[in-house]
Amino acid sequence: MKFSIKDPPVVNEGSPGTGSRIADVDALRAVALLLILIVNIAFFSSGYSFHLVPDPAYDSWGDQTVRWLVELLFAMKAYLLFSFLFGYSFTLQLDSAARRGVDFAPRFRRRLAGLFVLGILHAVLLFQGDILATYALLGLVLLAMRRVTVGTAVRAAVLLTGGIGFVVALAAVGGAQLVTDPATALAAGQRSTEALQGGIGSVIAEHVRQLPAMVGTLLVQGPLAFSAFLFGYAAGRRRLLTDVAGNRQLLRRVQQLGYPIGLAGAVIFAAGGGTANLTGLAAGVLTAPLLAAAYAATLLQFFQTNRGRRVVAVVAPAGRMSLSNYLGQSLLCVLVFTGVGLGLAGTAAPAVVLLIAVAIYGAQLAASAAWMTRFRYGPVEWLLRAWTEQRWPRIRAADPV
């Protein structure tokens, strides 16, 4: 492909005609990154997680409490919030393309192709639980639906969520089980942990072995992510995040509905052992979107306060380069937990793993702030943009547009 070094006028994500980014969207994306890390780090720290059984070496009351709280508050909610923002940002990209007078569809398809390649590399080299390749495939469906009305998008999202929940509940009633033999699952978890403790070849081989199982997981996770895309699309069409004050009543209703129903479903989900139990999984499928929406509504209103604006200033740079940070989280976790680096897999209690997640996130906040003062895009965002735009975008913040 042929690249040019000239940049057309940059139109950042923002409300129509402003040319400015929406800091609250970046801050929400940064919070979603933290929640995703808290959930995903368990799959780096132990090989048991991918086999849906807890590490028997850490079975104390404290260990169980930490795992239960993560399942209760973050599992299934984190990636739905991130997926919602993917759908919301899709509308911003549509508006940006319209203002610039460019053909959106082929550019977006190139972007999705690049995202798919990144996802496959991520799954094989760093983390078999990758979501980027799934986003790329679902993005094609979202592109095909780019002209649907807000009402159609919301109805489709509700029906899709309800349909998945019904199928999972039906499987639970029929007696289906995801872990049919706990002893076999524990043995597999031990083998996976030992593989993670090995070198780069051992780690990659373990990732490849787990990929078929991840396809089954995505049969539930994928449709739910797409329903969140549609909710985000509807919110973007309504300019929900650009007029928080004008939508305050709606946001409060989301909280009033989302917290009681979402937390009730989260309790059932966590009490059943998370995704290992189909009854709990069905409850999670049906209620996790409401709890994720309540989180988003609460954060948006908090961001409007004086303290909230200070928080936005700290975390928004990480959200601006969320793709780089998402991949960076996996790289850092590989270096911390696998034999490629420190080899801590299977040796850290859940509470310690949680502290490591917070430390990694803190380091990313500092690195993101330093990077974004010098550059316009994160490093991976810049490469993906170069592929999408078929040109070399100017990356330094001081470069003239």
Protein backbone atom coordinates (compact mmCIF):
# COMPACT_ATOMS: atom_id res chain seq x y z
CA MET A 1 0.00 0.00 0.00
CA LYS A 2 1.07 3.58 -0.60
CA PHE A 3 1.33 6.01 2.27
CA SER A 4 1.59 9.77 2.19
CA ILE A 5 3.03 11.89 4.99
CA LYS A 6 0.42 14.61 4.68
CA ASP A 7 -2.32 14.75 7.23
CA PRO A 8 -5.85 15.92 6.44
CA PRO A 9 -7.46 18.08 9.13
CA VAL A 10 -7.76 16.11 12.34
CA VAL A 11 -11.29 15.84 13.70
CA ASN A 12 -11.10 14.25 17.13
CA GLU A 13 -13.91 12.48 18.88
CA GLY A 14 -16.28 15.11 20.08
CA SER A 15 -19.67 16.60 19.63
CA PRO A 16 -20.53 17.67 16.12
CA GLY A 17 -18.72 20.75 15.04
CA THR A 18 -16.56 21.16 18.13
CA GLY A 19 -13.47 19.34 16.95
CA SER A 20 -12.67 18.48 20.58
CA ARG A 21 -12.56 15.13 22.25
CA ILE A 22 -15.14 14.12 24.80
CA ALA A 23 -13.06 13.81 27.95
CA ASP A 24 -15.81 11.90 29.75
CA VAL A 25 -15.76 9.19 27.07
CA ASP A 26 -12.01 8.84 27.48
CA ALA A 27 -12.40 8.68 31.26
CA LEU A 28 -15.11 6.03 31.02
CA ARG A 29 -12.91 4.02 28.71
CA ALA A 30 -10.03 4.32 31.19
CA VAL A 31 -12.24 3.04 34.04
CA ALA A 32 -13.33 0.14 31.83
CA LEU A 33 -9.65 -0.70 31.30
CA LEU A 34 -9.17 -1.04 35.05
CA LEU A 35 -12.22 -3.28 35.42
CA ILE A 36 -11.11 -5.46 32.51
CA LEU A 37 -7.66 -5.85 34.03
CA ILE A 38 -9.10 -6.84 37.40
CA VAL A 39 -11.10 -9.60 35.69
CA ASN A 40 -8.50 -10.75 33.17
CA ILE A 41 -5.48 -10.87 35.45
CA ALA A 42 -6.81 -14.04 37.09
CA PHE A 43 -6.27 -15.86 33.79
CA PHE A 44 -2.61 -14.83 33.76
CA SER A 45 -1.94 -15.61 37.42
CA SER A 46 -3.26 -19.18 37.29
CA GLY A 47 -4.07 -21.80 34.68
CA TYR A 48 -7.13 -22.96 36.64
CA SER A 49 -9.29 -19.98 35.62
CA PHE A 50 -9.65 -21.08 32.00
CA HIS A 51 -10.93 -24.43 33.22
CA LEU A 52 -13.59 -22.71 35.38
CA VAL A 53 -12.27 -24.02 38.70
CA PRO A 54 -10.45 -22.11 41.47
CA ASP A 55 -6.82 -22.86 42.29
CA PRO A 56 -7.02 -25.33 45.22
CA ALA A 57 -3.84 -23.82 46.69
CA TYR A 58 -5.80 -20.67 47.51
CA ASP A 59 -9.01 -21.79 49.15
CA SER A 60 -9.04 -19.75 52.36
CA TRP A 61 -11.98 -17.57 53.38
CA GLY A 62 -10.04 -14.49 52.28
CA ASP A 63 -9.18 -15.98 48.87
CA GLN A 64 -12.77 -16.97 48.26
CA THR A 65 -14.00 -13.52 49.28
CA VAL A 66 -11.70 -11.75 46.82
CA ARG A 67 -12.78 -14.02 43.97
CA TRP A 68 -16.45 -13.62 44.94
CA LEU A 69 -16.21 -9.81 44.97
CA VAL A 70 -14.56 -9.77 41.54
CA GLU A 71 -17.32 -11.99 40.16
CA LEU A 72 -19.99 -9.90 41.88
CA LEU A 73 -18.83 -6.44 40.86
CA PHE A 74 -16.77 -6.76 37.70
CA ALA A 75 -17.10 -10.07 35.83
CA MET A 76 -19.36 -9.69 32.76
CA LYS A 77 -19.75 -5.99 33.57
CA ALA A 78 -16.29 -4.78 32.55
CA TYR A 79 -16.32 -5.90 28.91
CA LEU A 80 -19.95 -4.76 28.49
CA LEU A 81 -18.96 -1.23 29.50
CA PHE A 82 -16.06 -1.35 27.06
CA SER A 83 -18.35 -2.72 24.34
CA PHE A 84 -20.87 0.06 24.97
CA LEU A 85 -18.10 2.60 24.38
CA PHE A 86 -17.12 0.82 21.16
CA GLY A 87 -20.66 1.33 19.86
CA TYR A 88 -20.72 4.93 21.07
CA SER A 89 -17.40 5.73 19.41
CA PHE A 90 -18.70 4.18 16.20
CA THR A 91 -21.24 7.01 15.95
CA LEU A 92 -18.48 9.57 16.53
CA GLN A 93 -16.48 8.06 13.69
CA LEU A 94 -19.55 8.18 11.45
CA ASP A 95 -20.02 11.87 12.22
CA SER A 96 -16.33 12.61 11.72
CA ALA A 97 -16.33 10.91 8.31
CA ALA A 98 -19.45 12.86 7.29
CA ARG A 99 -17.88 16.18 8.28
CA ARG A 100 -14.70 15.36 6.38
CA GLY A 101 -16.61 14.18 3.33
CA VAL A 102 -14.92 10.76 3.20
CA ASP A 103 -16.38 7.34 2.44
CA PHE A 104 -16.73 5.75 5.86
CA ALA A 105 -17.45 2.09 5.05
CA PRO A 106 -14.18 1.05 3.31
CA ARG A 107 -12.09 2.86 5.90
CA PHE A 108 -13.96 1.21 8.75
CA ARG A 109 -13.60 -2.20 7.13
CA ARG A 110 -9.83 -1.64 6.89
CA ARG A 111 -9.83 -0.65 10.55
CA LEU A 112 -11.69 -3.83 11.47
CA ALA A 113 -9.27 -5.92 9.41
CA GLY A 114 -6.36 -4.38 11.29
CA LEU A 115 -8.14 -4.96 14.59
CA PHE A 116 -8.74 -8.60 13.67
CA VAL A 117 -5.05 -9.19 12.94
CA LEU A 118 -4.09 -7.51 16.22
CA GLY A 119 -6.60 -9.71 18.02
CA ILE A 120 -5.25 -12.95 16.57
CA LEU A 121 -1.67 -11.97 17.43
CA HIS A 122 -2.81 -10.98 20.91
CA ALA A 123 -4.60 -14.29 21.44
CA VAL A 124 -1.63 -16.39 20.35
CA LEU A 125 1.23 -14.42 21.85
CA LEU A 126 -0.21 -12.82 24.98
CA PHE A 127 -3.75 -13.71 26.03
CA GLN A 128 -6.06 -16.34 24.60
CA GLY A 129 -9.04 -14.49 26.07
CA ASP A 130 -8.68 -11.73 23.47
CA ILE A 131 -11.79 -9.72 22.58
CA LEU A 132 -10.39 -7.64 19.69
CA ALA A 133 -10.91 -10.26 16.98
CA THR A 134 -14.50 -10.69 18.14
CA TYR A 135 -15.00 -6.92 18.04
CA ALA A 136 -13.67 -6.88 14.49
CA LEU A 137 -16.16 -9.49 13.30
CA LEU A 138 -19.08 -7.92 15.17
CA GLY A 139 -18.06 -4.53 13.84
CA LEU A 140 -18.97 -5.70 10.33
CA VAL A 141 -22.52 -6.34 11.53
CA LEU A 142 -22.61 -2.95 13.25
CA LEU A 143 -21.45 -1.33 10.03
CA ALA A 144 -24.32 -2.97 8.16
CA MET A 145 -26.75 -1.54 10.74
CA ARG A 146 -25.35 2.01 10.69
CA ARG A 147 -28.57 3.51 9.35
CA VAL A 148 -31.02 1.91 11.79
CA THR A 149 -33.01 4.14 14.11
CA VAL A 150 -32.33 4.51 17.82
CA GLY A 151 -35.52 2.59 18.63
CA THR A 152 -34.58 -0.30 16.36
CA ALA A 153 -31.10 -0.51 17.86
CA VAL A 154 -32.47 -0.59 21.42
CA ARG A 155 -35.13 -3.21 20.60
CA ALA A 156 -32.58 -5.40 18.84
CA ALA A 157 -30.22 -5.14 21.82
CA VAL A 158 -32.94 -6.07 24.29
CA LEU A 159 -34.12 -9.02 22.18
CA LEU A 160 -30.56 -10.25 21.70
CA THR A 161 -29.79 -10.10 25.42
CA GLY A 162 -33.08 -11.76 26.32
CA GLY A 163 -32.58 -14.46 23.71
CA ILE A 164 -29.11 -15.38 24.97
CA GLY A 165 -30.35 -15.38 28.56
CA PHE A 166 -33.27 -17.65 27.61
CA VAL A 167 -31.02 -20.14 25.80
CA VAL A 168 -28.59 -20.32 28.74
CA ALA A 169 -31.47 -20.69 31.23
CA LEU A 170 -32.98 -23.44 29.09
CA ALA A 171 -29.65 -25.27 29.11
CA ALA A 172 -29.49 -24.92 32.91
CA VAL A 173 -33.01 -26.32 33.32
CA GLY A 174 -32.05 -29.20 31.05
CA GLY A 175 -29.23 -30.12 33.42
CA ALA A 176 -26.31 -29.09 31.20
CA GLN A 177 -23.02 -28.41 33.00
CA LEU A 178 -19.91 -26.56 31.93
CA VAL A 179 -17.67 -28.43 34.37
CA THR A 180 -18.77 -32.06 34.07
CA ASP A 181 -15.82 -33.54 35.97
CA PRO A 182 -14.20 -31.27 38.60
CA ALA A 183 -11.27 -33.65 39.09
CA THR A 184 -10.44 -33.53 35.39
CA ALA A 185 -10.77 -29.76 35.38
CA LEU A 186 -8.41 -29.45 38.35
CA ALA A 187 -5.83 -31.67 36.64
CA ALA A 188 -6.12 -29.58 33.48
CA GLY A 189 -5.72 -26.42 35.54
CA GLN A 190 -2.50 -27.76 37.05
CA ARG A 191 -1.12 -28.57 33.60
CA SER A 192 -2.05 -25.11 32.32
CA THR A 193 -0.36 -23.43 35.30
CA GLU A 194 2.81 -25.41 34.69
CA ALA A 195 2.69 -24.43 31.01
CA LEU A 196 2.42 -20.74 31.96
CA GLN A 197 5.46 -21.13 34.17
CA GLY A 198 7.49 -22.24 31.16
CA GLY A 199 9.23 -20.24 28.46
CA ILE A 200 7.78 -18.42 25.48
CA GLY A 201 7.23 -21.64 23.51
CA SER A 202 5.34 -23.24 26.37
CA VAL A 203 3.18 -20.13 26.89
CA ILE A 204 2.27 -19.82 23.21
CA ALA A 205 1.47 -23.53 22.98
CA GLU A 206 -0.85 -23.19 25.98
CA HIS A 207 -2.60 -20.23 24.36
CA VAL A 208 -3.13 -22.17 21.15
CA ARG A 209 -4.50 -25.18 23.08
CA GLN A 210 -7.06 -22.96 24.80
CA LEU A 211 -8.32 -21.19 21.66
CA PRO A 212 -11.02 -23.79 20.78
CA ALA A 213 -12.51 -23.44 24.27
CA MET A 214 -12.55 -19.67 23.85
CA VAL A 215 -14.70 -20.03 20.72
CA GLY A 216 -17.37 -21.64 22.90
CA THR A 217 -17.13 -18.80 25.41
CA LEU A 218 -17.62 -16.27 22.65
CA LEU A 219 -20.96 -17.85 21.70
CA VAL A 220 -22.30 -16.07 24.80
CA GLN A 221 -19.84 -13.22 25.13
CA GLY A 222 -20.05 -12.19 21.47
CA PRO A 223 -23.82 -11.60 21.25
CA LEU A 224 -23.76 -9.77 24.58
CA ALA A 225 -20.94 -7.56 23.36
CA PHE A 226 -22.93 -6.79 20.22
CA SER A 227 -26.01 -5.87 22.25
CA ALA A 228 -23.78 -3.44 24.15
CA PHE A 229 -22.56 -2.10 20.77
CA LEU A 230 -26.18 -1.35 19.91
CA PHE A 231 -26.87 0.35 23.23
CA GLY A 232 -23.75 2.45 22.67
CA TYR A 233 -24.88 3.25 19.14
CA ALA A 234 -28.25 4.42 20.47
CA ALA A 235 -26.57 6.53 23.15
CA GLY A 236 -24.28 8.06 20.55
CA ARG A 237 -27.20 8.97 18.31
CA ARG A 238 -28.87 10.62 21.30
CA ARG A 239 -25.63 12.44 22.23
CA LEU A 240 -26.04 11.04 25.73
CA LEU A 241 -22.46 11.61 26.82
CA THR A 242 -22.20 15.12 25.40
CA ASP A 243 -25.19 16.41 27.37
CA VAL A 244 -25.02 14.77 30.78
CA ALA A 245 -26.86 17.64 32.46
CA GLY A 246 -29.71 17.43 29.97
CA ASN A 247 -29.98 13.67 30.46
CA ARG A 248 -29.61 13.65 34.25
CA GLN A 249 -33.14 12.35 34.81
CA LEU A 250 -32.55 9.46 32.40
CA LEU A 251 -29.25 8.63 34.08
CA ARG A 252 -30.92 8.55 37.50
CA ARG A 253 -33.58 6.20 36.20
CA VAL A 254 -30.84 3.93 34.89
CA GLN A 255 -29.30 3.90 38.36
CA GLN A 256 -32.63 3.26 40.08
CA LEU A 257 -33.31 0.30 37.80
CA GLY A 258 -29.80 -0.95 37.24
CA TYR A 259 -28.46 -1.22 40.76
CA PRO A 260 -31.18 -3.28 42.47
CA ILE A 261 -31.76 -5.63 39.53
CA GLY A 262 -28.13 -5.74 38.45
CA LEU A 263 -26.78 -6.42 41.93
CA ALA A 264 -29.42 -9.08 42.60
CA GLY A 265 -28.42 -10.87 39.42
CA ALA A 266 -24.73 -10.39 40.26
CA VAL A 267 -25.26 -12.09 43.63
CA ILE A 268 -26.82 -15.11 41.92
CA PHE A 269 -24.02 -15.10 39.35
CA ALA A 270 -21.22 -14.91 41.95
CA ALA A 271 -22.88 -17.38 44.34
CA GLY A 272 -23.05 -19.93 41.54
CA GLY A 273 -19.34 -19.67 40.85
CA GLY A 274 -19.51 -17.21 37.98
CA THR A 275 -19.50 -18.58 34.46
CA ALA A 276 -19.01 -22.14 35.73
CA ASN A 277 -22.69 -22.41 36.66
CA LEU A 278 -25.32 -22.05 33.94
CA THR A 279 -28.05 -20.83 36.31
CA GLY A 280 -25.79 -18.08 37.59
CA LEU A 281 -24.62 -17.37 34.05
CA ALA A 282 -28.21 -16.90 32.88
CA ALA A 283 -28.80 -14.43 35.71
CA GLY A 284 -25.61 -12.63 34.75
CA VAL A 285 -26.53 -12.43 31.08
CA LEU A 286 -29.90 -10.86 31.86
CA THR A 287 -28.79 -8.44 34.56
CA ALA A 288 -25.12 -7.56 33.93
CA PRO A 289 -26.05 -4.99 31.22
CA LEU A 290 -28.20 -3.15 33.76
CA LEU A 291 -25.44 -3.04 36.34
CA ALA A 292 -22.87 -1.94 33.76
CA ALA A 293 -25.28 0.81 32.66
CA ALA A 294 -25.73 1.91 36.29
CA TYR A 295 -21.94 2.10 36.67
CA ALA A 296 -21.71 4.27 33.57
CA ALA A 297 -24.55 6.55 34.71
CA THR A 298 -22.92 7.01 38.12
CA LEU A 299 -19.50 7.76 36.66
CA LEU A 300 -20.89 10.25 34.15
CA GLN A 301 -22.61 12.21 36.89
CA PHE A 302 -19.55 12.03 39.13
CA PHE A 303 -17.39 13.39 36.31
CA GLN A 304 -19.47 16.59 36.34
CA THR A 305 -18.40 17.43 39.91
CA ASN A 306 -15.22 19.31 40.83
CA ARG A 307 -13.62 16.17 42.21
CA GLY A 308 -14.81 14.22 39.21
CA ARG A 309 -13.18 16.67 36.79
CA ARG A 310 -9.88 16.13 38.57
CA VAL A 311 -10.31 12.38 38.21
CA VAL A 312 -11.09 12.82 34.52
CA ALA A 313 -7.88 14.80 34.05
CA VAL A 314 -5.87 11.96 35.59
CA VAL A 315 -7.44 8.96 33.83
CA ALA A 316 -8.56 10.34 30.45
CA PRO A 317 -5.09 10.05 28.81
CA ALA A 318 -5.21 6.29 29.43
CA GLY A 319 -8.61 6.16 27.73
CA ARG A 320 -7.30 8.06 24.72
CA MET A 321 -4.83 5.24 24.08
CA SER A 322 -7.03 2.40 25.32
CA LEU A 323 -6.00 -0.06 22.62
CA SER A 324 -2.32 0.35 23.47
CA ASN A 325 -3.13 0.01 27.15
CA TYR A 326 -5.30 -3.08 26.65
CA LEU A 327 -2.50 -4.84 24.80
CA GLY A 328 0.03 -3.40 27.25
CA GLN A 329 -1.84 -4.94 30.17
CA SER A 330 -1.48 -8.37 28.60
CA LEU A 331 2.21 -7.83 27.90
CA LEU A 332 2.90 -6.73 31.48
CA CYS A 333 0.91 -9.65 32.88
CA VAL A 334 2.90 -12.07 30.72
CA LEU A 335 6.13 -10.56 32.03
CA VAL A 336 4.93 -10.76 35.64
CA PHE A 337 3.26 -14.16 35.74
CA THR A 338 4.70 -16.43 33.04
CA GLY A 339 8.13 -17.98 32.73
CA VAL A 340 8.95 -15.36 30.10
CA GLY A 341 9.40 -12.96 33.03
CA LEU A 342 9.05 -13.37 36.78
CA GLY A 343 7.12 -16.66 36.60
CA LEU A 344 4.63 -15.89 39.38
CA ALA A 345 1.83 -18.01 37.89
CA GLY A 346 0.34 -20.20 40.59
CA THR A 347 2.31 -18.53 43.40
CA ALA A 348 0.23 -15.42 44.18
CA ALA A 349 -2.93 -15.32 46.29
CA PRO A 350 -6.00 -13.57 44.83
CA ALA A 351 -5.50 -10.49 47.04
CA VAL A 352 -1.90 -10.15 45.86
CA VAL A 353 -2.99 -10.58 42.25
CA LEU A 354 -5.50 -7.78 42.75
CA LEU A 355 -2.78 -5.50 44.13
CA ILE A 356 -0.61 -6.29 41.11
CA ALA A 357 -3.51 -5.28 38.85
CA VAL A 358 -3.81 -1.94 40.65
CA ALA A 359 -0.04 -1.40 40.36
CA ILE A 360 -0.07 -2.14 36.62
CA TYR A 361 -2.97 0.25 36.13
CA GLY A 362 -1.24 2.98 38.11
CA ALA A 363 1.86 2.58 35.95
CA GLN A 364 -0.29 2.81 32.82
CA LEU A 365 -1.94 6.02 34.05
CA ALA A 366 1.45 7.63 34.57
CA ALA A 367 2.85 6.36 31.26
CA SER A 368 -0.27 7.43 29.35
CA ALA A 369 -0.16 10.96 30.79
CA ALA A 370 3.48 11.32 29.81
CA TRP A 371 2.90 9.87 26.34
CA MET A 372 -0.15 11.96 25.47
CA THR A 373 1.61 15.21 26.34
CA ARG A 374 4.02 14.45 23.51
CA PHE A 375 1.96 12.53 21.00
CA ARG A 376 -1.49 12.66 19.43
CA TYR A 377 -2.12 8.91 19.45
CA GLY A 378 -1.05 5.86 21.40
CA PRO A 379 1.54 3.75 19.55
CA VAL A 380 -0.88 0.98 18.52
CA GLU A 381 -3.60 3.53 17.72
CA TRP A 382 -1.13 5.27 15.42
CA LEU A 383 -0.30 2.06 13.58
CA LEU A 384 -3.96 1.12 13.24
CA ARG A 385 -4.77 4.62 12.01
CA ALA A 386 -1.95 4.44 9.45
CA TRP A 387 -3.40 1.20 8.08
CA THR A 388 -6.95 2.57 8.13
CA GLU A 389 -6.12 5.91 6.52
CA GLN A 390 -3.48 4.49 4.14
CA ARG A 391 -1.10 7.26 5.15
CA TRP A 392 1.36 8.05 7.90
CA PRO A 393 -0.46 10.27 10.41
CA ARG A 394 1.57 12.91 12.19
CA ILE A 395 2.07 11.59 15.67
CA ARG A 396 3.86 14.34 17.60
CA ALA A 397 1.58 16.74 19.43
CA ALA A 398 3.77 19.69 18.35
CA ASP A 399 3.54 18.86 14.65
CA PRO A 400 1.39 21.28 12.63
CA VAL A 401 -1.85 19.79 11.34
